[in-house]
Amino acid sequence: MTGWQNKPFVIDAKSGDTIAFCMCGTSKNGPYCDGSHKGTGISPKVVTYDKDTPIHACGCQQSKNKPMCDGTHKTVE
């Protein structure tokens, strides 16, 4: 298996939440940024939500729409 898990993370974002998503793939707390990217030249994707919304964040780290899941986990082992 690649990534943190072979399914999306389901997150219930609330209005006003700011979430920093890991984009480097080295976070020990995926899909959230834990600062592990320092020195990689890769920055987290920071999103502030203006309404309550469910999020399906990529768990396999292979999505072409990172940090969101695009279903790629169904084709990776």
N, C-alpha and C. Protein backbone atom coordinates (compact mmCIF):
# COMPACT_ATOMS: atom_id res chain seq x y z
N MET A 1 0.84 -1.19 0.00
CA MET A 1 0.00 0.00 0.00
C MET A 1 0.88 1.25 0.00
N THR A 2 0.42 2.24 -0.70
CA THR A 2 1.09 3.52 -0.77
C THR A 2 0.35 4.51 0.12
N GLY A 3 1.04 5.47 0.68
CA GLY A 3 0.37 6.55 1.42
C GLY A 3 0.05 6.20 2.86
N TRP A 4 -0.88 6.94 3.39
CA TRP A 4 -1.28 6.76 4.79
C TRP A 4 -2.30 5.65 4.96
N GLN A 5 -3.24 5.56 4.02
CA GLN A 5 -4.27 4.52 4.07
C GLN A 5 -4.86 4.38 2.67
N ASN A 6 -5.53 3.27 2.42
CA ASN A 6 -6.05 2.99 1.09
C ASN A 6 -7.52 3.37 0.96
N LYS A 7 -7.86 4.50 1.53
CA LYS A 7 -9.21 5.07 1.42
C LYS A 7 -9.10 6.53 1.80
N PRO A 8 -10.11 7.32 1.45
CA PRO A 8 -10.05 8.75 1.80
C PRO A 8 -10.28 8.97 3.30
N PHE A 9 -9.76 10.08 3.77
CA PHE A 9 -10.08 10.55 5.12
C PHE A 9 -11.37 11.35 5.00
N VAL A 10 -12.35 11.05 5.82
CA VAL A 10 -13.59 11.81 5.82
C VAL A 10 -13.52 12.81 6.96
N ILE A 11 -13.58 14.09 6.61
CA ILE A 11 -13.43 15.18 7.57
C ILE A 11 -14.67 16.05 7.50
N ASP A 12 -15.26 16.34 8.65
CA ASP A 12 -16.40 17.25 8.70
C ASP A 12 -15.89 18.65 9.01
N ALA A 13 -15.58 19.40 7.96
CA ALA A 13 -15.10 20.78 8.15
C ALA A 13 -16.27 21.67 8.53
N LYS A 14 -16.02 22.54 9.47
CA LYS A 14 -17.03 23.49 9.94
C LYS A 14 -16.71 24.87 9.40
N SER A 15 -17.72 25.68 9.28
CA SER A 15 -17.54 27.06 8.82
C SER A 15 -16.50 27.76 9.68
N GLY A 16 -15.50 28.35 9.03
CA GLY A 16 -14.44 29.04 9.75
C GLY A 16 -13.20 28.19 9.99
N ASP A 17 -13.30 26.87 9.79
CA ASP A 17 -12.13 26.00 9.96
C ASP A 17 -11.06 26.31 8.92
N THR A 18 -9.82 26.33 9.35
CA THR A 18 -8.68 26.42 8.44
C THR A 18 -7.89 25.14 8.61
N ILE A 19 -7.68 24.43 7.50
CA ILE A 19 -6.99 23.15 7.54
C ILE A 19 -5.76 23.23 6.64
N ALA A 20 -4.62 22.80 7.18
CA ALA A 20 -3.38 22.72 6.40
C ALA A 20 -3.19 21.25 6.03
N PHE A 21 -3.34 20.95 4.74
CA PHE A 21 -3.20 19.59 4.24
C PHE A 21 -1.76 19.32 3.81
N CYS A 22 -1.25 18.16 4.17
CA CYS A 22 0.09 17.74 3.76
C CYS A 22 0.12 17.55 2.24
N MET A 23 1.11 18.13 1.60
CA MET A 23 1.30 17.96 0.16
C MET A 23 2.61 17.23 -0.16
N CYS A 24 3.48 17.09 0.85
CA CYS A 24 4.78 16.46 0.61
C CYS A 24 4.74 14.95 0.83
N GLY A 25 3.75 14.49 1.57
CA GLY A 25 3.61 13.06 1.82
C GLY A 25 4.42 12.52 2.98
N THR A 26 5.09 13.38 3.73
CA THR A 26 5.93 12.89 4.83
C THR A 26 5.34 13.12 6.22
N SER A 27 4.17 13.73 6.29
CA SER A 27 3.54 13.99 7.59
C SER A 27 3.25 12.67 8.31
N LYS A 28 3.48 12.66 9.59
CA LYS A 28 3.13 11.50 10.42
C LYS A 28 1.67 11.59 10.87
N ASN A 29 1.00 12.70 10.50
CA ASN A 29 -0.37 12.95 10.91
C ASN A 29 -1.25 13.20 9.68
N GLY A 30 -0.97 12.49 8.57
CA GLY A 30 -1.73 12.69 7.34
C GLY A 30 -3.21 12.51 7.55
N PRO A 31 -4.00 13.30 6.86
CA PRO A 31 -3.68 14.17 5.74
C PRO A 31 -3.27 15.58 6.17
N TYR A 32 -3.11 15.78 7.46
CA TYR A 32 -2.79 17.11 7.98
C TYR A 32 -1.28 17.36 7.96
N CYS A 33 -0.90 18.59 7.73
CA CYS A 33 0.51 18.98 7.76
C CYS A 33 1.00 18.98 9.21
N ASP A 34 2.18 18.40 9.42
CA ASP A 34 2.80 18.43 10.74
C ASP A 34 4.15 19.15 10.71
N GLY A 35 4.45 19.81 9.58
CA GLY A 35 5.70 20.55 9.46
C GLY A 35 6.84 19.73 8.89
N SER A 36 6.59 18.47 8.57
CA SER A 36 7.65 17.61 8.04
C SER A 36 8.20 18.07 6.70
N HIS A 37 7.48 18.94 6.02
CA HIS A 37 7.90 19.41 4.70
C HIS A 37 9.08 20.37 4.73
N LYS A 38 9.42 20.85 5.89
CA LYS A 38 10.50 21.84 5.99
C LYS A 38 11.76 21.33 5.29
N GLY A 39 12.29 22.14 4.38
CA GLY A 39 13.47 21.79 3.63
C GLY A 39 13.20 21.06 2.32
N THR A 40 11.92 20.74 2.04
CA THR A 40 11.59 20.01 0.81
C THR A 40 11.25 20.93 -0.35
N GLY A 41 10.93 22.19 -0.04
CA GLY A 41 10.46 23.11 -1.09
C GLY A 41 8.98 22.93 -1.39
N ILE A 42 8.32 22.06 -0.66
CA ILE A 42 6.89 21.82 -0.85
C ILE A 42 6.14 22.42 0.33
N SER A 43 5.06 23.12 0.05
CA SER A 43 4.26 23.76 1.09
C SER A 43 2.93 23.05 1.25
N PRO A 44 2.33 23.14 2.44
CA PRO A 44 1.01 22.55 2.62
C PRO A 44 -0.04 23.34 1.84
N LYS A 45 -1.15 22.71 1.57
CA LYS A 45 -2.31 23.37 0.95
C LYS A 45 -3.19 23.81 2.11
N VAL A 46 -3.32 25.11 2.30
CA VAL A 46 -4.11 25.66 3.41
C VAL A 46 -5.45 26.12 2.86
N VAL A 47 -6.52 25.59 3.45
CA VAL A 47 -7.87 25.90 2.99
C VAL A 47 -8.71 26.37 4.18
N THR A 48 -9.41 27.49 3.99
CA THR A 48 -10.35 27.98 4.99
C THR A 48 -11.76 27.76 4.43
N TYR A 49 -12.60 27.13 5.21
CA TYR A 49 -13.95 26.80 4.77
C TYR A 49 -14.94 27.84 5.24
N ASP A 50 -15.83 28.26 4.33
CA ASP A 50 -16.81 29.29 4.68
C ASP A 50 -18.19 28.72 4.99
N LYS A 51 -18.29 27.38 4.93
CA LYS A 51 -19.54 26.72 5.33
C LYS A 51 -19.21 25.31 5.79
N ASP A 52 -20.11 24.71 6.56
CA ASP A 52 -19.93 23.33 6.98
C ASP A 52 -19.95 22.45 5.73
N THR A 53 -18.98 21.57 5.63
CA THR A 53 -18.90 20.72 4.44
C THR A 53 -18.12 19.44 4.73
N PRO A 54 -18.58 18.30 4.21
CA PRO A 54 -17.79 17.09 4.34
C PRO A 54 -16.66 17.11 3.32
N ILE A 55 -15.48 16.63 3.73
CA ILE A 55 -14.31 16.59 2.86
C ILE A 55 -13.86 15.14 2.76
N HIS A 56 -13.46 14.76 1.58
CA HIS A 56 -12.84 13.44 1.37
C HIS A 56 -11.41 13.70 0.93
N ALA A 57 -10.50 13.70 1.91
CA ALA A 57 -9.09 13.99 1.65
C ALA A 57 -8.37 12.71 1.24
N CYS A 58 -7.44 12.84 0.32
CA CYS A 58 -6.69 11.70 -0.20
C CYS A 58 -5.90 11.01 0.92
N GLY A 59 -6.03 9.70 0.97
CA GLY A 59 -5.27 8.91 1.94
C GLY A 59 -4.13 8.13 1.30
N CYS A 60 -4.23 7.87 -0.02
CA CYS A 60 -3.21 7.06 -0.70
C CYS A 60 -2.06 7.90 -1.24
N GLN A 61 -2.20 9.20 -1.25
CA GLN A 61 -1.20 10.16 -1.72
C GLN A 61 -0.97 10.08 -3.23
N GLN A 62 -1.88 9.51 -3.97
CA GLN A 62 -1.73 9.37 -5.41
C GLN A 62 -2.75 10.17 -6.21
N SER A 63 -3.67 10.84 -5.55
CA SER A 63 -4.71 11.62 -6.23
C SER A 63 -4.09 12.68 -7.14
N LYS A 64 -4.70 12.88 -8.27
CA LYS A 64 -4.28 13.96 -9.16
C LYS A 64 -4.96 15.27 -8.77
N ASN A 65 -5.80 15.21 -7.75
CA ASN A 65 -6.54 16.38 -7.26
C ASN A 65 -6.22 16.62 -5.78
N LYS A 66 -4.96 16.33 -5.38
CA LYS A 66 -4.57 16.50 -3.98
C LYS A 66 -4.81 17.92 -3.51
N PRO A 67 -5.28 18.08 -2.31
CA PRO A 67 -5.38 17.08 -1.25
C PRO A 67 -6.68 16.29 -1.25
N MET A 68 -7.55 16.50 -2.22
CA MET A 68 -8.83 15.81 -2.25
C MET A 68 -8.72 14.46 -2.96
N CYS A 69 -9.54 13.54 -2.53
CA CYS A 69 -9.58 12.20 -3.12
C CYS A 69 -10.22 12.27 -4.51
N ASP A 70 -9.62 11.55 -5.46
CA ASP A 70 -10.21 11.44 -6.80
C ASP A 70 -10.51 9.99 -7.16
N GLY A 71 -10.42 9.09 -6.17
CA GLY A 71 -10.72 7.68 -6.39
C GLY A 71 -9.54 6.83 -6.81
N THR A 72 -8.36 7.43 -6.93
CA THR A 72 -7.18 6.70 -7.37
C THR A 72 -6.87 5.52 -6.46
N HIS A 73 -7.21 5.62 -5.17
CA HIS A 73 -6.91 4.53 -4.22
C HIS A 73 -7.53 3.20 -4.67
N LYS A 74 -8.55 3.26 -5.50
CA LYS A 74 -9.19 2.03 -5.95
C LYS A 74 -8.31 1.27 -6.94
N THR A 75 -7.29 1.93 -7.50
CA THR A 75 -6.46 1.29 -8.52
C THR A 75 -5.01 1.06 -8.06
N VAL A 76 -4.66 1.49 -6.84
CA VAL A 76 -3.30 1.27 -6.34
C VAL A 76 -3.31 0.18 -5.28
N GLU A 77 -2.21 -0.53 -5.19
CA GLU A 77 -2.11 -1.60 -4.19
C GLU A 77 -1.18 -1.22 -3.09
